[in-house]
C-alpha atoms as a PDB file:
ATOM      1  CA  UNK A   1     -37.500 163.920  72.084  1.00  0.00           C
ATOM      2  CA  UNK A   2     -38.699 161.514  69.399  1.00  0.00           C
ATOM      3  CA  UNK A   3     -39.156 162.908  65.934  1.00  0.00           C
ATOM      4  CA  UNK A   4     -42.619 162.137  64.357  1.00  0.00           C
ATOM      5  CA  UNK A   5     -42.728 159.310  61.944  1.00  0.00           C
ATOM      6  CA  UNK A   6     -44.974 157.557  59.615  1.00  0.00           C
ATOM      7  CA  UNK A   7     -45.409 153.925  59.782  1.00  0.00           C
ATOM      8  CA  UNK A   8     -47.755 150.997  58.876  1.00  0.00           C
ATOM      9  CA  UNK A   9     -50.873 150.462  61.132  1.00  0.00           C
ATOM     10  CA  UNK A  10     -50.531 147.829  63.681  1.00  0.00           C
ATOM     11  CA  UNK A  11     -53.245 146.320  65.640  1.00  0.00           C
ATOM     12  CA  UNK A  12     -52.490 147.950  68.964  1.00  0.00           C
ATOM     13  CA  UNK A  13     -53.099 151.429  67.166  1.00  0.00           C
ATOM     14  CA  UNK A  14     -56.769 150.666  66.944  1.00  0.00           C
ATOM     15  CA  UNK A  15     -57.934 152.609  70.076  1.00  0.00           C
ATOM     16  CA  UNK A  16     -55.637 155.591  69.216  1.00  0.00           C
ATOM     17  CA  UNK A  17     -57.235 155.661  65.870  1.00  0.00           C
ATOM     18  CA  UNK A  18     -60.763 155.461  67.221  1.00  0.00           C
ATOM     19  CA  UNK A  19     -59.877 158.411  69.564  1.00  0.00           C
ATOM     20  CA  UNK A  20     -58.520 160.506  66.688  1.00  0.00           C
ATOM     21  CA  UNK A  21     -61.608 159.721  64.726  1.00  0.00           C
ATOM     22  CA  UNK A  22     -63.845 161.157  67.416  1.00  0.00           C
ATOM     23  CA  UNK A  23     -61.659 164.134  68.232  1.00  0.00           C
ATOM     24  CA  UNK A  24     -61.806 165.214  64.687  1.00  0.00           C
ATOM     25  CA  UNK A  25     -65.446 164.280  63.936  1.00  0.00           C
ATOM     26  CA  UNK A  26     -66.953 167.842  64.376  1.00  0.00           C
ATOM     27  CA  UNK A  27     -65.892 169.290  61.058  1.00  0.00           C
ATOM     28  CA  UNK A  28     -62.255 168.726  62.175  1.00  0.00           C
ATOM     29  CA  UNK A  29     -62.820 169.590  65.715  1.00  0.00           C
ATOM     30  CA  UNK A  30     -63.322 167.556  68.885  1.00  0.00           C
ATOM     31  CA  UNK A  31     -66.770 165.822  68.950  1.00  0.00           C
ATOM     32  CA  UNK A  32     -66.428 164.160  72.387  1.00  0.00           C
ATOM     33  CA  UNK A  33     -69.027 166.221  73.909  1.00  0.00           C
ATOM     34  CA  UNK A  34     -71.547 165.346  71.201  1.00  0.00           C
ATOM     35  CA  UNK A  35     -71.493 161.637  71.709  1.00  0.00           C
ATOM     36  CA  UNK A  36     -72.658 159.419  74.482  1.00  0.00           C
ATOM     37  CA  UNK A  37     -70.695 156.567  73.188  1.00  0.00           C
ATOM     38  CA  UNK A  38     -67.116 157.520  72.447  1.00  0.00           C
ATOM     39  CA  UNK A  39     -66.428 154.548  70.090  1.00  0.00           C
ATOM     40  CA  UNK A  40     -69.541 154.606  67.674  1.00  0.00           C
ATOM     41  CA  UNK A  41     -67.987 157.336  65.462  1.00  0.00           C
ATOM     42  CA  UNK A  42     -64.891 155.108  64.892  1.00  0.00           C
ATOM     43  CA  UNK A  43     -66.982 151.997  64.384  1.00  0.00           C
ATOM     44  CA  UNK A  44     -68.513 153.674  61.233  1.00  0.00           C
ATOM     45  CA  UNK A  45     -65.578 155.615  59.835  1.00  0.00           C
ATOM     46  CA  UNK A  46     -62.369 153.877  60.810  1.00  0.00           C
ATOM     47  CA  UNK A  47     -62.999 150.452  62.212  1.00  0.00           C
ATOM     48  CA  UNK A  48     -64.030 148.654  58.986  1.00  0.00           C
ATOM     49  CA  UNK A  49     -60.800 149.688  57.277  1.00  0.00           C
ATOM     50  CA  UNK A  50     -58.454 148.738  60.178  1.00  0.00           C
ATOM     51  CA  UNK A  51     -59.954 145.251  60.260  1.00  0.00           C
ATOM     52  CA  UNK A  52     -60.843 144.557  56.654  1.00  0.00           C
ATOM     53  CA  UNK A  53     -58.139 146.547  54.676  1.00  0.00           C
ATOM     54  CA  UNK A  54     -55.183 147.087  57.044  1.00  0.00           C
ATOM     55  CA  UNK A  55     -52.720 146.952  54.191  1.00  0.00           C
ATOM     56  CA  UNK A  56     -53.735 150.364  53.228  1.00  0.00           C
ATOM     57  CA  UNK A  57     -53.802 151.960  56.822  1.00  0.00           C
ATOM     58  CA  UNK A  58     -50.874 154.164  57.943  1.00  0.00           C
ATOM     59  CA  UNK A  59     -50.292 156.282  61.047  1.00  0.00           C
ATOM     60  CA  UNK A  60     -48.146 159.226  62.020  1.00  0.00           C
ATOM     61  CA  UNK A  61     -46.545 158.813  65.621  1.00  0.00           C
ATOM     62  CA  UNK A  62     -44.603 161.050  67.961  1.00  0.00           C
ATOM     63  CA  UNK A  63     -43.646 160.882  71.492  1.00  0.00           C
ATOM     64  CA  UNK A  64     -47.133 161.229  72.689  1.00  0.00           C
ATOM     65  CA  UNK A  65     -48.313 158.335  70.576  1.00  0.00           C
ATOM     66  CA  UNK A  66     -50.302 157.897  67.301  1.00  0.00           C
ATOM     67  CA  UNK A  67     -51.680 161.359  66.329  1.00  0.00           C
ATOM     68  CA  UNK A  68     -52.988 160.885  62.905  1.00  0.00           C
ATOM     69  CA  UNK A  69     -53.933 158.198  60.265  1.00  0.00           C
ATOM     70  CA  UNK A  70     -55.065 157.473  56.811  1.00  0.00           C
ATOM     71  CA  UNK A  71     -57.307 154.451  55.955  1.00  0.00           C
ATOM     72  CA  UNK A  72     -59.119 153.538  52.746  1.00  0.00           C
ATOM     73  CA  UNK A  73     -59.511 150.883  50.131  1.00  0.00           C
ATOM     74  CA  UNK A  74     -58.347 150.508  46.403  1.00  0.00           C
ATOM     75  CA  UNK A  75     -61.752 149.198  45.519  1.00  0.00           C
ATOM     76  CA  UNK A  76     -64.802 150.881  46.795  1.00  0.00           C
ATOM     77  CA  UNK A  77     -67.110 148.188  45.616  1.00  0.00           C
ATOM     78  CA  UNK A  78     -65.068 145.423  47.272  1.00  0.00           C
ATOM     79  CA  UNK A  79     -64.839 147.372  50.473  1.00  0.00           C
ATOM     80  CA  UNK A  80     -68.720 147.886  50.543  1.00  0.00           C
ATOM     81  CA  UNK A  81     -69.283 144.098  49.918  1.00  0.00           C
ATOM     82  CA  UNK A  82     -66.921 143.023  52.515  1.00  0.00           C
ATOM     83  CA  UNK A  83     -68.117 145.555  55.121  1.00  0.00           C
ATOM     84  CA  UNK A  84     -71.677 144.518  54.562  1.00  0.00           C
ATOM     85  CA  UNK A  85     -70.859 140.929  54.916  1.00  0.00           C
ATOM     86  CA  UNK A  86     -68.257 141.040  57.741  1.00  0.00           C
ATOM     87  CA  UNK A  87     -68.264 144.332  59.580  1.00  0.00           C
ATOM     88  CA  UNK A  88     -71.873 145.622  59.887  1.00  0.00           C
ATOM     89  CA  UNK A  89     -73.864 142.547  60.955  1.00  0.00           C
ATOM     90  CA  UNK A  90     -72.438 142.332  64.523  1.00  0.00           C
ATOM     91  CA  UNK A  91     -72.534 146.075  64.829  1.00  0.00           C
ATOM     92  CA  UNK A  92     -76.295 145.929  64.117  1.00  0.00           C
ATOM     93  CA  UNK A  93     -76.844 143.522  66.824  1.00  0.00           C
ATOM     94  CA  UNK A  94     -74.890 145.568  69.228  1.00  0.00           C
ATOM     95  CA  UNK A  95     -76.648 149.030  68.066  1.00  0.00           C
ATOM     96  CA  UNK A  96     -80.269 148.254  67.086  1.00  0.00           C
ATOM     97  CA  UNK A  97     -82.324 151.051  65.941  1.00  0.00           C
ATOM     98  CA  UNK A  98     -83.756 153.037  68.811  1.00  0.00           C
ATOM     99  CA  UNK A  99     -80.620 152.244  70.947  1.00  0.00           C
ATOM    100  CA  UNK A 100     -79.987 156.160  71.353  1.00  0.00           C
ATOM    101  CA  UNK A 101     -82.636 158.813  71.697  1.00  0.00           C
ATOM    102  CA  UNK A 102     -83.680 160.090  68.361  1.00  0.00           C
ATOM    103  CA  UNK A 103     -82.127 163.271  67.076  1.00  0.00           C
ATOM    104  CA  UNK A 104     -78.919 162.541  68.803  1.00  0.00           C
ATOM    105  CA  UNK A 105     -75.584 162.146  66.818  1.00  0.00           C
ATOM    106  CA  UNK A 106     -75.364 158.649  68.187  1.00  0.00           C
ATOM    107  CA  UNK A 107     -78.667 157.865  66.782  1.00  0.00           C
ATOM    108  CA  UNK A 108     -77.670 159.259  63.312  1.00  0.00           C
ATOM    109  CA  UNK A 109     -74.638 156.905  63.362  1.00  0.00           C
ATOM    110  CA  UNK A 110     -76.741 153.897  64.291  1.00  0.00           C
ATOM    111  CA  UNK A 111     -78.856 154.777  61.098  1.00  0.00           C
ATOM    112  CA  UNK A 112     -75.618 154.669  58.996  1.00  0.00           C
ATOM    113  CA  UNK A 113     -74.780 151.277  60.707  1.00  0.00           C
ATOM    114  CA  UNK A 114     -78.134 149.888  59.372  1.00  0.00           C
ATOM    115  CA  UNK A 115     -78.113 151.844  56.038  1.00  0.00           C
ATOM    116  CA  UNK A 116     -74.468 152.416  55.185  1.00  0.00           C
ATOM    117  CA  UNK A 117     -73.744 155.566  53.005  1.00  0.00           C
ATOM    118  CA  UNK A 118     -72.766 154.743  49.470  1.00  0.00           C
ATOM    119  CA  UNK A 119     -70.919 157.060  47.142  1.00  0.00           C
ATOM    120  CA  UNK A 120     -72.875 157.774  43.927  1.00  0.00           C
ATOM    121  CA  UNK A 121     -72.368 155.185  41.182  1.00  0.00           C
ATOM    122  CA  UNK A 122     -70.811 157.574  38.722  1.00  0.00           C
ATOM    123  CA  UNK A 123     -68.079 158.620  41.143  1.00  0.00           C
ATOM    124  CA  UNK A 124     -67.111 155.100  42.017  1.00  0.00           C
ATOM    125  CA  UNK A 125     -66.892 154.172  38.355  1.00  0.00           C
ATOM    126  CA  UNK A 126     -64.512 157.061  37.729  1.00  0.00           C
ATOM    127  CA  UNK A 127     -62.625 157.066  41.032  1.00  0.00           C
ATOM    128  CA  UNK A 128     -62.696 153.454  42.390  1.00  0.00           C
ATOM    129  CA  UNK A 129     -60.356 153.977  45.437  1.00  0.00           C
ATOM    130  CA  UNK A 130     -61.395 156.070  48.549  1.00  0.00           C
ATOM    131  CA  UNK A 131     -59.848 157.197  51.831  1.00  0.00           C
ATOM    132  CA  UNK A 132     -60.356 158.952  55.039  1.00  0.00           C
ATOM    133  CA  UNK A 133     -57.511 161.077  56.695  1.00  0.00           C
ATOM    134  CA  UNK A 134     -57.451 162.718  60.126  1.00  0.00           C
ATOM    135  CA  UNK A 135     -54.797 164.299  62.275  1.00  0.00           C
ATOM    136  CA  UNK A 136     -54.831 165.701  65.768  1.00  0.00           C
ATOM    137  CA  UNK A 137     -54.076 169.414  66.048  1.00  0.00           C
ATOM    138  CA  UNK A 138     -50.591 168.801  67.301  1.00  0.00           C
ATOM    139  CA  UNK A 139     -49.662 167.315  64.097  1.00  0.00           C
ATOM    140  CA  UNK A 140     -51.516 169.632  61.620  1.00  0.00           C
ATOM    141  CA  UNK A 141     -49.744 172.149  59.441  1.00  0.00           C
ATOM    142  CA  UNK A 142     -46.365 170.199  59.721  1.00  0.00           C
ATOM    143  CA  UNK A 143     -46.458 168.358  56.300  1.00  0.00           C
ATOM    144  CA  UNK A 144     -47.730 164.959  57.791  1.00  0.00           C
ATOM    145  CA  UNK A 145     -51.176 165.204  56.111  1.00  0.00           C
ATOM    146  CA  UNK A 146     -49.341 165.356  52.684  1.00  0.00           C
ATOM    147  CA  UNK A 147     -46.927 162.493  53.565  1.00  0.00           C
ATOM    148  CA  UNK A 148     -49.791 160.221  54.753  1.00  0.00           C
ATOM    149  CA  UNK A 149     -51.658 161.159  51.681  1.00  0.00           C
ATOM    150  CA  UNK A 150     -48.749 160.350  49.301  1.00  0.00           C
ATOM    151  CA  UNK A 151     -47.971 157.137  51.088  1.00  0.00           C
ATOM    152  CA  UNK A 152     -51.580 155.909  50.881  1.00  0.00           C
ATOM    153  CA  UNK A 153     -51.874 156.935  47.199  1.00  0.00           C
ATOM    154  CA  UNK A 154     -48.763 154.925  46.400  1.00  0.00           C
ATOM    155  CA  UNK A 155     -50.236 151.795  47.959  1.00  0.00           C
ATOM    156  CA  UNK A 156     -53.616 151.983  46.263  1.00  0.00           C
ATOM    157  CA  UNK A 157     -51.996 152.854  42.972  1.00  0.00           C
ATOM    158  CA  UNK A 158     -49.660 149.646  43.374  1.00  0.00           C
ATOM    159  CA  UNK A 159     -52.984 147.814  44.062  1.00  0.00           C
ATOM    160  CA  UNK A 160     -54.259 148.944  40.650  1.00  0.00           C
ATOM    161  CA  UNK A 161     -56.314 152.050  41.401  1.00  0.00           C
ATOM    162  CA  UNK A 162     -55.568 155.039  39.126  1.00  0.00           C
ATOM    163  CA  UNK A 163     -57.958 157.441  40.883  1.00  0.00           C
ATOM    164  CA  UNK A 164     -59.336 158.189  44.330  1.00  0.00           C
ATOM    165  CA  UNK A 165     -62.298 160.007  46.029  1.00  0.00           C
ATOM    166  CA  UNK A 166     -63.014 161.140  49.544  1.00  0.00           C
ATOM    167  CA  UNK A 167     -66.012 162.664  51.294  1.00  0.00           C
ATOM    168  CA  UNK A 168     -65.902 165.921  53.246  1.00  0.00           C
ATOM    169  CA  UNK A 169     -68.406 168.164  54.960  1.00  0.00           C
ATOM    170  CA  UNK A 170     -68.915 171.295  52.640  1.00  0.00           C
ATOM    171  CA  UNK A 171     -68.626 173.402  55.779  1.00  0.00           C
ATOM    172  CA  UNK A 172     -65.130 172.120  56.688  1.00  0.00           C
ATOM    173  CA  UNK A 173     -63.161 174.928  55.102  1.00  0.00           C
ATOM    174  CA  UNK A 174     -59.760 173.859  56.390  1.00  0.00           C
ATOM    175  CA  UNK A 175     -60.144 170.351  54.970  1.00  0.00           C
ATOM    176  CA  UNK A 176     -61.342 171.613  51.692  1.00  0.00           C
ATOM    177  CA  UNK A 177     -58.343 173.910  51.464  1.00  0.00           C
ATOM    178  CA  UNK A 178     -55.991 171.002  52.226  1.00  0.00           C
ATOM    179  CA  UNK A 179     -57.548 168.989  49.524  1.00  0.00           C
ATOM    180  CA  UNK A 180     -57.379 171.651  47.017  1.00  0.00           C
ATOM    181  CA  UNK A 181     -53.838 172.214  47.939  1.00  0.00           C
ATOM    182  CA  UNK A 182     -53.007 168.537  47.060  1.00  0.00           C
ATOM    183  CA  UNK A 183     -54.732 168.571  43.724  1.00  0.00           C
ATOM    184  CA  UNK A 184     -58.130 167.217  44.642  1.00  0.00           C
ATOM    185  CA  UNK A 185     -61.053 168.538  42.446  1.00  0.00           C
ATOM    186  CA  UNK A 186     -64.629 169.020  43.582  1.00  0.00           C
ATOM    187  CA  UNK A 187     -66.739 166.119  42.297  1.00  0.00           C
ATOM    188  CA  UNK A 188     -70.119 166.661  44.071  1.00  0.00           C
ATOM    189  CA  UNK A 189     -71.063 170.041  45.487  1.00  0.00           C
ATOM    190  CA  UNK A 190     -68.001 170.281  47.971  1.00  0.00           C
ATOM    191  CA  UNK A 191     -68.994 167.024  49.436  1.00  0.00           C
ATOM    192  CA  UNK A 192     -67.017 164.467  47.315  1.00  0.00           C
ATOM    193  CA  UNK A 193     -63.412 165.256  46.095  1.00  0.00           C
ATOM    194  CA  UNK A 194     -61.174 163.284  43.620  1.00  0.00           C
ATOM    195  CA  UNK A 195     -57.752 163.103  41.970  1.00  0.00           C
ATOM    196  CA  UNK A 196     -55.342 160.737  40.497  1.00  0.00           C
ATOM    197  CA  UNK A 197     -53.372 158.451  42.666  1.00  0.00           C
ATOM    198  CA  UNK A 198     -50.063 159.579  40.859  1.00  0.00           C
ATOM    199  CA  UNK A 199     -48.515 161.658  43.597  1.00  0.00           C
ATOM    200  CA  UNK A 200     -44.963 161.906  42.499  1.00  0.00           C
ATOM    201  CA  UNK A 201     -42.434 163.643  44.904  1.00  0.00           C
ATOM    202  CA  UNK A 202     -44.630 162.994  48.064  1.00  0.00           C
ATOM    203  CA  UNK A 203     -43.009 159.765  49.332  1.00  0.00           C
ATOM    204  CA  UNK A 204     -42.380 159.772  52.965  1.00  0.00           C
ATOM    205  CA  UNK A 205     -38.836 160.442  54.422  1.00  0.00           C
ATOM    206  CA  UNK A 206     -38.865 157.305  56.482  1.00  0.00           C
ATOM    207  CA  UNK A 207     -39.538 153.747  55.657  1.00  0.00           C
ATOM    208  CA  UNK A 208     -42.725 151.812  56.785  1.00  0.00           C
ATOM    209  CA  UNK A 209     -43.209 148.523  58.464  1.00  0.00           C
ATOM    210  CA  UNK A 210     -41.246 149.034  61.543  1.00  0.00           C
END
C-alpha cells in the first residue's frame, strides 16, 4: 500500500486534474451528471493554470492516482493577461456561443470562456495572488488540504505575493468551514476569501519535484 504524498504537478497529471475538477464542481460534489462535455469545467477552472503557471501547481497522489490539486498564480493581473492572450482564443473557436443549449451548465461555462470572470479590482489590489484547491472524497479530512495549501502559499510567497484570495460558492458550507479553519477571512459576501501567504508550520512532510 502506497502512502499518499504531495508532489509538483507533471504534464501527465492533466487528465486526472480535469476529472477532479469535474467531480468536485457541484459545491464540492460530483458534477458529472450535470455536463454533456466532461472537459469544459476543467478548461475554465484548472487548465489555464496547468498550462500557463505550472510552477505553482501541486497534487496529492495515492495508490489510486492523483486525487487532489492546488493551482493558482502569484499575480492575478498577469494571469488574466496571459489567459486572455494564450488560453481563451483557441477555446472560443472550439466553443462558440450557442454551442450548447441555453440554460445548461455547459452553456454557462461557454459564456465564461467568452467573458472570463474577473475578481473585483479592490480585492486584486490587496490580495494579488489567487488559487483553486480541490480534493476527491477519499483524500478529504486527512490533512492533505492543509498541506496543499501550505505548499502553494510558500511558492507564491517566494514569488513575491504577500496575500492571496480564492473564490467559493457561498452555499458550499464545507469549503467555507475549511477556509475559515485555515485563517481565511470573508472579503466579499462569502464569495471571495483571503489571507496572508505566511503559513508557518504547514510545510509538507515530503519533498516535491520527484
